[in-house]
Amino acid sequence: MMGTQNISDTGLRARTNTALHSLQHPGSRMYQRGVSLATVMDLGGRHFGPNVCEKNNDALSFPTDKYDIFISHTWRTGRIAKYAALLYYTSLFPAVCAGLAAGILAFALRVHGILPPFGISEGPKSAEVSELVPFSMWCLVIGGCTSFAILVMWARLFDLAESIRSTKVSYFFDRLSINQGDAELKQAGIDSIGAYLRNSDSMLVLWAPDYFTRLWCVFELAVFLEKSTNAEFKSLLQNSYAEMRQASVGAMLDLRRNSPPTEMNNEETVPARIAVATSAHKTRHETPDRKLIIIPVQIGVFCMASLVIGFVVLLLGPVMEFLHRDLGYTFWSLAFFGGCVAICRFCRRYSQDRLELDKQIAQVTVSQADCNFPQDREFIKAVITWLYSETLNEIEGIAAFEHVLHSRVQQNVDKILGSRLHVPWRLTIVCMFL
């Protein structure tokens, strides 16, 4: 038993040292591979399926120096929900713009007589029929079909535009960016997730109620948000005043305004206070390059469902009126009632999920998060300790980790999603478009 424990400890130590080396030397990227948006969205997000196993990752990915977007998700969430959330985030706005442009074009063509009216037939009743089928049917059909086509094909069109411009937007998607066929390369990729996060410009979280119950997901968030490590803090203290002077002008002014004379004259505390003030000054006056985007998957599901159902209802309404006016009245009444019930249920569900998200952020801890393998938990705790504790004290490091998670993640959520009654702007353009 003692020999087995020693082997386990040696393996954990070697694994941790490898991961820390990748964090300290981000230039070493043997296994860093990215994927395009079109690959992630392929066939309705088939790679999010639980039973998909890609053997040839090199055919679907490409070498990259950095990641533009790191996709973070949990495999406990369904494939369709995550695909809908990605459509909501990446394709909704261009799809709505294209649909509106196509609808306006259809209106202009109908006004000039290029497009024939719907339902017009030869005979004396043509005028009556023309009143029953409005001109807007062409706008609805062409605009709606264009919008859905762009919604589904936008990733491919975006990929085509990138190939023409010889540029590539690189996404990190765990199943495709980490080699799945070679056990050694797969483990190396898993152990390098922290380095991948540090080398990512933004992070897209596909949030579901299970997200914060997974230790790896919590780890990804905290590593991405960790910017001012102890090593960076030490380097600030070691810089000469002459080197820091230009970057710290605004910080010194803030420091003098907010500090008593006794602390300003204390030679021992001034360097540290300058470093902290400089960091705060930069945070206030510079736009950060690294962005955290949290998208509840239920928003994507509701948005896509609203587009499809709303389009079908608006399309069938005039047809029902054309068949029989009373039938049209009944149809619109049922559609209105059903729409109100669906919206109320969504608002209730979204409010509950939003409350659950805030609750999870406030209460999540390393000890309570689930992890399938005990060695992974020890590995994550070791990396957290190195990142967040200058003295490499595990309790201190995990406490600092959880503080960052509770405070900064909540700030990002409030900034992106607003209050529980706040309606995201993408949902408002869906309603306006319909």
Protein backbone atom coordinates (compact mmCIF):
# COMPACT_ATOMS: atom_id res chain seq x y z
CA MET A 1 0.00 0.00 0.00
CA MET A 2 2.84 2.38 0.84
CA GLY A 3 4.50 1.64 -2.50
CA THR A 4 1.27 2.31 -4.37
CA GLN A 5 0.85 5.61 -2.51
CA ASN A 6 4.40 6.65 -3.39
CA ILE A 7 3.82 5.86 -7.06
CA SER A 8 0.59 7.85 -6.99
CA ASP A 9 2.30 10.82 -5.34
CA THR A 10 5.17 10.67 -7.84
CA GLY A 11 2.75 10.61 -10.78
CA LEU A 12 0.77 13.54 -9.37
CA ARG A 13 3.96 15.51 -8.78
CA ALA A 14 5.18 14.89 -12.33
CA ARG A 15 1.79 15.81 -13.77
CA THR A 16 1.63 19.00 -11.71
CA ASN A 17 5.18 20.00 -12.68
CA THR A 18 4.32 19.56 -16.36
CA ALA A 19 1.21 21.72 -16.02
CA LEU A 20 3.07 24.44 -14.12
CA HIS A 21 5.83 24.42 -16.72
CA SER A 22 3.23 25.03 -19.46
CA LEU A 23 1.81 27.92 -17.41
CA GLN A 24 5.26 29.45 -16.90
CA HIS A 25 6.33 28.98 -20.53
CA PRO A 26 3.33 29.77 -22.73
CA GLY A 27 5.56 29.86 -25.81
CA SER A 28 5.86 26.06 -25.76
CA ARG A 29 2.70 24.96 -27.61
CA MET A 30 3.34 21.56 -29.15
CA TYR A 31 -0.23 20.42 -28.72
CA GLN A 32 -2.09 23.72 -29.08
CA ARG A 33 -4.68 23.26 -31.79
CA GLY A 34 -7.78 25.28 -32.56
CA VAL A 35 -10.98 24.69 -34.50
CA SER A 36 -13.16 26.92 -36.62
CA LEU A 37 -16.69 28.00 -35.74
CA ALA A 38 -18.01 25.94 -38.66
CA THR A 39 -16.43 22.79 -37.20
CA VAL A 40 -17.95 23.42 -33.77
CA MET A 41 -21.40 24.01 -35.31
CA ASP A 42 -21.15 21.12 -37.79
CA LEU A 43 -24.40 19.17 -38.30
CA GLY A 44 -26.30 20.78 -35.46
CA GLY A 45 -23.38 20.69 -33.04
CA ARG A 46 -22.87 16.94 -33.40
CA HIS A 47 -19.54 17.12 -31.56
CA PHE A 48 -21.44 18.06 -28.40
CA GLY A 49 -23.13 14.66 -28.49
CA PRO A 50 -22.16 12.26 -25.68
CA ASN A 51 -21.39 9.31 -27.96
CA VAL A 52 -19.28 11.07 -30.59
CA CYS A 53 -15.64 10.00 -30.59
CA GLU A 54 -13.25 11.64 -33.03
CA LYS A 55 -10.17 9.58 -33.81
CA ASN A 56 -8.53 11.97 -36.27
CA ASN A 57 -8.45 15.32 -34.50
CA ASP A 58 -5.75 16.69 -36.81
CA ALA A 59 -8.19 16.62 -39.74
CA LEU A 60 -10.67 18.84 -37.86
CA SER A 61 -8.25 21.18 -36.08
CA PHE A 62 -5.26 23.34 -36.96
CA PRO A 63 -2.17 24.65 -35.11
CA THR A 64 -2.67 28.04 -33.51
CA ASP A 65 -0.59 30.51 -31.48
CA LYS A 66 -3.57 31.67 -29.41
CA TYR A 67 -7.28 31.11 -28.96
CA ASP A 68 -9.74 33.86 -29.79
CA ILE A 69 -12.55 32.13 -27.86
CA PHE A 70 -12.33 29.35 -25.27
CA ILE A 71 -15.62 27.41 -25.13
CA SER A 72 -16.37 26.17 -21.62
CA HIS A 73 -19.27 23.80 -21.01
CA THR A 74 -20.30 20.69 -19.13
CA TRP A 75 -21.03 17.38 -20.81
CA ARG A 76 -24.09 16.92 -18.61
CA THR A 77 -25.94 19.54 -20.67
CA GLY A 78 -27.74 18.36 -23.82
CA ARG A 79 -26.32 18.84 -27.27
CA ILE A 80 -29.33 20.72 -28.70
CA ALA A 81 -29.36 23.24 -25.83
CA LYS A 82 -25.68 24.10 -26.37
CA TYR A 83 -26.11 24.31 -30.12
CA ALA A 84 -29.05 26.69 -29.68
CA ALA A 85 -26.99 28.84 -27.31
CA LEU A 86 -24.17 29.06 -29.88
CA LEU A 87 -26.66 30.02 -32.59
CA TYR A 88 -28.04 32.68 -30.27
CA TYR A 89 -24.57 34.12 -29.60
CA THR A 90 -22.88 33.82 -33.00
CA SER A 91 -25.54 33.81 -35.72
CA LEU A 92 -28.70 35.53 -34.48
CA PHE A 93 -27.79 39.15 -35.22
CA PRO A 94 -26.52 38.60 -38.81
CA ALA A 95 -29.51 36.34 -39.49
CA VAL A 96 -31.99 39.00 -38.37
CA CYS A 97 -30.22 41.71 -40.41
CA ALA A 98 -30.21 39.50 -43.52
CA GLY A 99 -33.88 38.63 -43.01
CA LEU A 100 -34.88 42.27 -42.68
CA ALA A 101 -32.91 43.18 -45.82
CA ALA A 102 -34.56 40.36 -47.77
CA GLY A 103 -38.00 41.41 -46.51
CA ILE A 104 -37.44 45.00 -47.63
CA LEU A 105 -36.25 43.78 -51.03
CA ALA A 106 -39.36 41.58 -51.36
CA PHE A 107 -41.57 44.57 -50.52
CA ALA A 108 -39.89 46.70 -53.19
CA LEU A 109 -40.25 43.96 -55.80
CA ARG A 110 -43.92 43.48 -54.90
CA VAL A 111 -44.67 47.21 -55.13
CA HIS A 112 -43.15 47.37 -58.61
CA GLY A 113 -45.18 44.34 -59.71
CA ILE A 114 -42.21 42.04 -60.21
CA LEU A 115 -43.57 39.60 -57.64
CA PRO A 116 -47.21 38.52 -58.15
CA PRO A 117 -49.73 38.85 -55.29
CA PHE A 118 -50.43 35.73 -53.22
CA GLY A 119 -53.73 33.96 -53.89
CA ILE A 120 -54.80 35.98 -56.93
CA SER A 121 -56.66 33.93 -59.49
CA GLU A 122 -58.47 34.82 -62.69
CA GLY A 123 -62.11 35.75 -62.18
CA PRO A 124 -64.43 38.30 -60.60
CA LYS A 125 -63.50 37.29 -57.03
CA SER A 126 -59.85 38.22 -57.44
CA ALA A 127 -60.30 41.55 -55.65
CA GLU A 128 -61.88 39.86 -52.64
CA VAL A 129 -59.09 37.29 -52.51
CA SER A 130 -56.48 40.02 -52.76
CA GLU A 131 -57.84 41.62 -49.60
CA LEU A 132 -57.65 38.33 -47.71
CA VAL A 133 -54.01 37.68 -48.57
CA PRO A 134 -51.95 40.78 -47.68
CA PHE A 135 -48.87 42.05 -49.50
CA SER A 136 -46.76 41.27 -46.42
CA MET A 137 -46.80 37.53 -47.23
CA TRP A 138 -43.91 37.95 -49.65
CA CYS A 139 -41.92 39.88 -47.02
CA LEU A 140 -42.68 37.23 -44.43
CA VAL A 141 -41.81 34.23 -46.60
CA ILE A 142 -38.66 35.61 -48.21
CA GLY A 143 -37.44 37.44 -45.11
CA GLY A 144 -38.10 34.51 -42.80
CA CYS A 145 -36.54 31.89 -45.06
CA THR A 146 -33.47 34.07 -45.59
CA SER A 147 -33.14 34.60 -41.86
CA PHE A 148 -33.28 30.86 -41.10
CA ALA A 149 -30.85 30.06 -43.90
CA ILE A 150 -28.30 32.57 -42.60
CA LEU A 151 -28.87 31.40 -39.03
CA VAL A 152 -27.87 27.84 -39.92
CA MET A 153 -25.21 28.67 -42.54
CA TRP A 154 -23.56 31.66 -40.87
CA ALA A 155 -20.70 29.62 -39.44
CA ARG A 156 -19.90 28.25 -42.90
CA LEU A 157 -20.11 31.70 -44.48
CA PHE A 158 -17.88 33.11 -41.74
CA ASP A 159 -15.37 30.31 -42.34
CA LEU A 160 -15.43 31.03 -46.09
CA ALA A 161 -14.80 34.74 -45.49
CA GLU A 162 -11.85 33.85 -43.25
CA SER A 163 -10.32 31.63 -45.93
CA ILE A 164 -10.64 34.44 -48.50
CA ARG A 165 -8.94 36.91 -46.13
CA SER A 166 -6.35 34.29 -45.08
CA THR A 167 -7.25 34.77 -41.42
CA LYS A 168 -8.65 32.31 -38.92
CA VAL A 169 -10.60 32.83 -35.72
CA SER A 170 -9.48 30.03 -33.43
CA TYR A 171 -11.86 28.36 -30.97
CA PHE A 172 -10.87 26.00 -28.18
CA PHE A 173 -13.28 23.08 -27.98
CA ASP A 174 -12.06 20.33 -25.68
CA ARG A 175 -13.15 17.30 -27.70
CA LEU A 176 -11.51 18.58 -30.90
CA SER A 177 -8.59 20.65 -29.59
CA ILE A 178 -7.30 17.86 -27.33
CA ASN A 179 -6.14 14.68 -29.06
CA GLN A 180 -8.57 11.84 -28.32
CA GLY A 181 -6.75 9.01 -30.06
CA ASP A 182 -3.43 9.03 -28.21
CA ALA A 183 -3.69 8.56 -24.42
CA GLU A 184 -0.41 10.39 -23.73
CA LEU A 185 -1.31 13.40 -25.89
CA LYS A 186 -4.81 13.46 -24.43
CA GLN A 187 -3.45 13.65 -20.88
CA ALA A 188 -0.95 16.33 -21.91
CA GLY A 189 -3.80 18.37 -23.41
CA ILE A 190 -5.93 18.04 -20.28
CA ASP A 191 -3.01 19.08 -18.08
CA SER A 192 -2.38 22.12 -20.34
CA ILE A 193 -5.92 23.54 -20.07
CA GLY A 194 -4.65 26.23 -17.70
CA ALA A 195 -2.06 27.33 -20.27
CA TYR A 196 -4.71 27.33 -23.01
CA LEU A 197 -6.90 29.56 -20.85
CA ARG A 198 -4.06 32.00 -20.24
CA ASN A 199 -3.53 32.13 -23.98
CA SER A 200 -7.19 32.88 -24.81
CA ASP A 201 -8.59 36.33 -25.60
CA SER A 202 -12.11 35.53 -24.42
CA MET A 203 -14.08 32.77 -22.76
CA LEU A 204 -17.60 31.73 -23.72
CA VAL A 205 -19.41 29.86 -20.94
CA LEU A 206 -22.46 27.82 -22.00
CA TRP A 207 -24.05 27.87 -18.56
CA ALA A 208 -26.55 25.33 -17.29
CA PRO A 209 -27.52 24.52 -13.68
CA ASP A 210 -24.96 21.68 -13.66
CA TYR A 211 -22.06 23.92 -14.65
CA PHE A 212 -20.81 25.03 -11.22
CA THR A 213 -21.15 21.54 -9.81
CA ARG A 214 -18.20 20.41 -11.95
CA LEU A 215 -14.74 21.11 -10.57
CA TRP A 216 -13.09 21.36 -13.98
CA CYS A 217 -15.58 24.05 -15.04
CA VAL A 218 -14.95 26.04 -11.87
CA PHE A 219 -11.21 25.66 -12.40
CA GLU A 220 -11.45 26.97 -15.97
CA LEU A 221 -13.31 30.08 -14.84
CA ALA A 222 -10.90 30.97 -12.07
CA VAL A 223 -7.78 30.40 -14.16
CA PHE A 224 -9.16 32.60 -16.93
CA LEU A 225 -9.98 35.40 -14.51
CA GLU A 226 -6.64 35.18 -12.73
CA LYS A 227 -4.56 38.06 -14.16
CA SER A 228 -2.41 39.43 -11.34
CA THR A 229 -0.43 36.44 -10.12
CA ASN A 230 2.13 36.57 -7.35
CA ALA A 231 4.93 36.44 -9.91
CA GLU A 232 3.58 39.51 -11.68
CA PHE A 233 3.18 41.30 -8.37
CA LYS A 234 6.80 40.54 -7.50
CA SER A 235 7.99 41.84 -10.84
CA LEU A 236 6.17 45.10 -10.20
CA LEU A 237 7.92 45.49 -6.87
CA GLN A 238 11.31 44.71 -8.40
CA ASN A 239 11.00 47.32 -11.15
CA SER A 240 12.79 50.57 -10.57
CA TYR A 241 10.82 53.74 -9.93
CA ALA A 242 12.12 55.19 -13.20
CA GLU A 243 10.68 52.26 -15.18
CA MET A 244 7.32 52.50 -13.37
CA ARG A 245 7.06 56.27 -13.39
CA GLN A 246 5.33 56.71 -16.74
CA ALA A 247 2.85 53.87 -16.17
CA SER A 248 2.13 55.03 -12.60
CA VAL A 249 1.41 58.75 -13.08
CA GLY A 250 -2.33 58.29 -12.80
CA ALA A 251 -1.87 55.79 -9.98
CA MET A 252 0.33 58.20 -7.99
CA LEU A 253 -2.32 60.92 -8.28
CA ASP A 254 -4.96 58.49 -7.00
CA LEU A 255 -2.60 57.36 -4.26
CA ARG A 256 -1.95 60.90 -3.05
CA ARG A 257 -5.62 61.78 -3.08
CA ASN A 258 -6.66 58.68 -1.13
CA SER A 259 -3.75 58.17 1.29
CA PRO A 260 -2.87 60.01 4.53
CA PRO A 261 0.54 61.76 4.68
CA THR A 262 1.91 59.23 7.20
CA GLU A 263 1.42 56.34 4.74
CA MET A 264 2.80 58.32 1.81
CA ASN A 265 6.02 58.93 3.76
CA ASN A 266 6.39 55.28 4.77
CA GLU A 267 9.20 53.91 2.56
CA GLU A 268 8.30 50.29 3.28
CA THR A 269 4.71 50.47 2.05
CA VAL A 270 5.05 52.89 -0.87
CA PRO A 271 6.32 50.36 -3.48
CA ALA A 272 3.55 47.88 -2.73
CA ARG A 273 0.91 50.63 -2.67
CA ILE A 274 2.18 51.96 -6.01
CA ALA A 275 1.93 48.48 -7.53
CA VAL A 276 -1.63 47.98 -6.29
CA ALA A 277 -2.68 51.48 -7.31
CA THR A 278 -1.14 51.04 -10.76
CA SER A 279 -3.06 47.81 -11.28
CA ALA A 280 -6.31 49.45 -10.14
CA HIS A 281 -5.68 52.51 -12.29
CA LYS A 282 -5.12 50.36 -15.37
CA THR A 283 -8.24 48.34 -14.60
CA ARG A 284 -10.35 51.51 -14.41
CA HIS A 285 -8.94 53.34 -17.42
CA GLU A 286 -8.11 50.55 -19.88
CA THR A 287 -10.52 48.32 -21.72
CA PRO A 288 -9.54 44.73 -20.94
CA ASP A 289 -8.78 42.50 -23.92
CA ARG A 290 -9.88 39.35 -22.14
CA LYS A 291 -13.65 38.99 -21.99
CA LEU A 292 -15.86 36.56 -20.14
CA ILE A 293 -19.22 35.85 -21.80
CA ILE A 294 -21.76 33.75 -19.89
CA ILE A 295 -24.76 32.55 -21.91
CA PRO A 296 -27.49 30.53 -20.14
CA VAL A 297 -28.37 27.79 -22.60
CA GLN A 298 -32.09 28.24 -21.86
CA ILE A 299 -31.97 31.67 -23.50
CA GLY A 300 -30.74 30.09 -26.72
CA VAL A 301 -33.42 27.40 -26.62
CA PHE A 302 -36.21 29.93 -26.02
CA CYS A 303 -34.87 32.26 -28.71
CA MET A 304 -34.68 29.58 -31.40
CA ALA A 305 -38.07 28.18 -30.41
CA SER A 306 -39.59 31.67 -30.55
CA LEU A 307 -38.22 32.26 -34.04
CA VAL A 308 -39.50 28.97 -35.44
CA ILE A 309 -42.91 28.98 -33.76
CA GLY A 310 -43.44 32.70 -34.34
CA PHE A 311 -42.63 32.35 -38.04
CA VAL A 312 -45.00 29.39 -38.45
CA VAL A 313 -47.81 31.25 -36.64
CA LEU A 314 -47.38 34.42 -38.70
CA LEU A 315 -47.30 32.34 -41.86
CA LEU A 316 -50.39 30.28 -41.04
CA GLY A 317 -52.47 33.22 -39.79
CA PRO A 318 -53.15 34.81 -43.21
CA VAL A 319 -53.70 31.36 -44.71
CA MET A 320 -56.40 30.63 -42.10
CA GLU A 321 -58.01 33.99 -42.81
CA PHE A 322 -57.90 33.20 -46.52
CA LEU A 323 -59.70 29.91 -45.97
CA HIS A 324 -62.32 31.37 -43.62
CA ARG A 325 -62.42 34.63 -41.69
CA ASP A 326 -63.90 33.06 -38.54
CA LEU A 327 -61.24 30.35 -38.66
CA GLY A 328 -58.63 33.10 -38.78
CA TYR A 329 -60.06 34.79 -35.67
CA THR A 330 -60.02 31.50 -33.77
CA PHE A 331 -56.45 30.77 -34.87
CA TRP A 332 -55.15 34.20 -33.79
CA SER A 333 -56.91 33.93 -30.43
CA LEU A 334 -55.37 30.51 -29.72
CA ALA A 335 -51.96 31.67 -30.94
CA PHE A 336 -52.09 34.75 -28.71
CA PHE A 337 -53.10 32.70 -25.68
CA GLY A 338 -50.44 30.06 -26.34
CA GLY A 339 -47.78 32.73 -26.85
CA CYS A 340 -48.64 34.43 -23.55
CA VAL A 341 -48.46 31.11 -21.68
CA ALA A 342 -45.10 30.25 -23.28
CA ILE A 343 -43.62 33.67 -22.50
CA CYS A 344 -44.81 33.51 -18.89
CA ARG A 345 -43.31 30.05 -18.45
CA PHE A 346 -40.02 31.17 -19.97
CA CYS A 347 -39.84 34.29 -17.80
CA ARG A 348 -40.48 32.17 -14.73
CA ARG A 349 -37.86 29.61 -15.76
CA TYR A 350 -35.31 32.27 -16.66
CA SER A 351 -35.85 34.09 -13.37
CA GLN A 352 -35.35 30.82 -11.49
CA ASP A 353 -32.20 29.98 -13.47
CA ARG A 354 -30.86 33.49 -12.94
CA LEU A 355 -31.43 33.19 -9.19
CA GLU A 356 -29.80 29.75 -9.22
CA LEU A 357 -26.79 31.15 -11.09
CA ASP A 358 -26.27 33.87 -8.47
CA LYS A 359 -26.72 31.34 -5.69
CA GLN A 360 -24.20 28.94 -7.19
CA ILE A 361 -21.61 31.65 -7.71
CA ALA A 362 -21.96 32.77 -4.10
CA GLN A 363 -21.80 29.26 -2.63
CA VAL A 364 -19.51 27.25 -4.90
CA THR A 365 -16.40 25.80 -3.24
CA VAL A 366 -13.64 23.48 -4.36
CA SER A 367 -14.57 20.89 -1.76
CA GLN A 368 -18.22 20.67 -2.90
CA ALA A 369 -17.62 20.59 -6.66
CA ASP A 370 -17.79 17.14 -8.24
CA CYS A 371 -14.84 15.49 -9.94
CA ASN A 372 -14.85 12.02 -11.49
CA PHE A 373 -11.28 11.13 -10.52
CA PRO A 374 -9.62 11.84 -7.12
CA GLN A 375 -6.25 12.42 -8.81
CA ASP A 376 -7.81 15.19 -10.91
CA ARG A 377 -9.03 16.92 -7.74
CA GLU A 378 -5.54 16.81 -6.22
CA PHE A 379 -4.04 18.04 -9.46
CA ILE A 380 -6.45 21.00 -9.65
CA LYS A 381 -5.83 21.93 -6.02
CA ALA A 382 -2.06 21.86 -6.63
CA VAL A 383 -2.35 24.19 -9.66
CA ILE A 384 -4.72 26.51 -7.77
CA THR A 385 -2.26 26.71 -4.89
CA TRP A 386 0.56 27.65 -7.25
CA LEU A 387 -1.56 30.31 -8.98
CA TYR A 388 -3.09 31.96 -5.95
CA SER A 389 -0.72 31.45 -3.01
CA GLU A 390 2.67 33.12 -2.82
CA THR A 391 3.65 30.80 0.03
CA LEU A 392 2.24 27.72 -1.75
CA ASN A 393 -0.15 27.19 1.14
CA GLU A 394 -3.11 25.10 -0.05
CA ILE A 395 -5.68 26.63 2.30
CA GLU A 396 -4.59 30.16 1.43
CA GLY A 397 -4.53 29.44 -2.30
CA ILE A 398 -7.98 27.86 -2.40
CA ALA A 399 -9.43 30.69 -0.30
CA ALA A 400 -8.03 33.27 -2.74
CA PHE A 401 -9.30 31.19 -5.66
CA GLU A 402 -12.83 31.10 -4.25
CA HIS A 403 -12.76 34.84 -3.51
CA VAL A 404 -11.94 35.57 -7.17
CA LEU A 405 -14.67 33.19 -8.26
CA HIS A 406 -17.34 34.70 -5.99
CA SER A 407 -16.53 38.35 -6.69
CA ARG A 408 -15.31 38.68 -10.26
CA VAL A 409 -17.57 36.09 -11.85
CA GLN A 410 -20.59 37.73 -10.22
CA GLN A 411 -19.47 41.11 -11.53
CA ASN A 412 -19.21 39.73 -15.06
CA VAL A 413 -22.61 38.06 -14.83
CA ASP A 414 -24.26 41.25 -13.60
CA LYS A 415 -22.59 43.22 -16.36
CA ILE A 416 -23.59 40.84 -19.14
CA LEU A 417 -27.01 39.60 -18.03
CA GLY A 418 -28.15 42.41 -15.75
CA SER A 419 -30.78 41.77 -13.09
CA ARG A 420 -33.16 38.82 -13.12
CA LEU A 421 -35.79 41.02 -14.79
CA HIS A 422 -33.37 42.28 -17.43
CA VAL A 423 -34.13 41.19 -21.00
CA PRO A 424 -30.98 40.47 -23.09
CA TRP A 425 -30.83 42.60 -26.22
CA ARG A 426 -30.67 39.60 -28.55
CA LEU A 427 -34.10 38.50 -27.31
CA THR A 428 -35.53 41.95 -27.94
CA ILE A 429 -34.42 41.93 -31.58
CA VAL A 430 -36.10 38.52 -32.02
CA CYS A 431 -39.42 40.00 -30.86
CA MET A 432 -38.92 43.09 -33.03
CA PHE A 433 -38.07 40.95 -36.05
CA LEU A 434 -41.21 38.83 -35.70
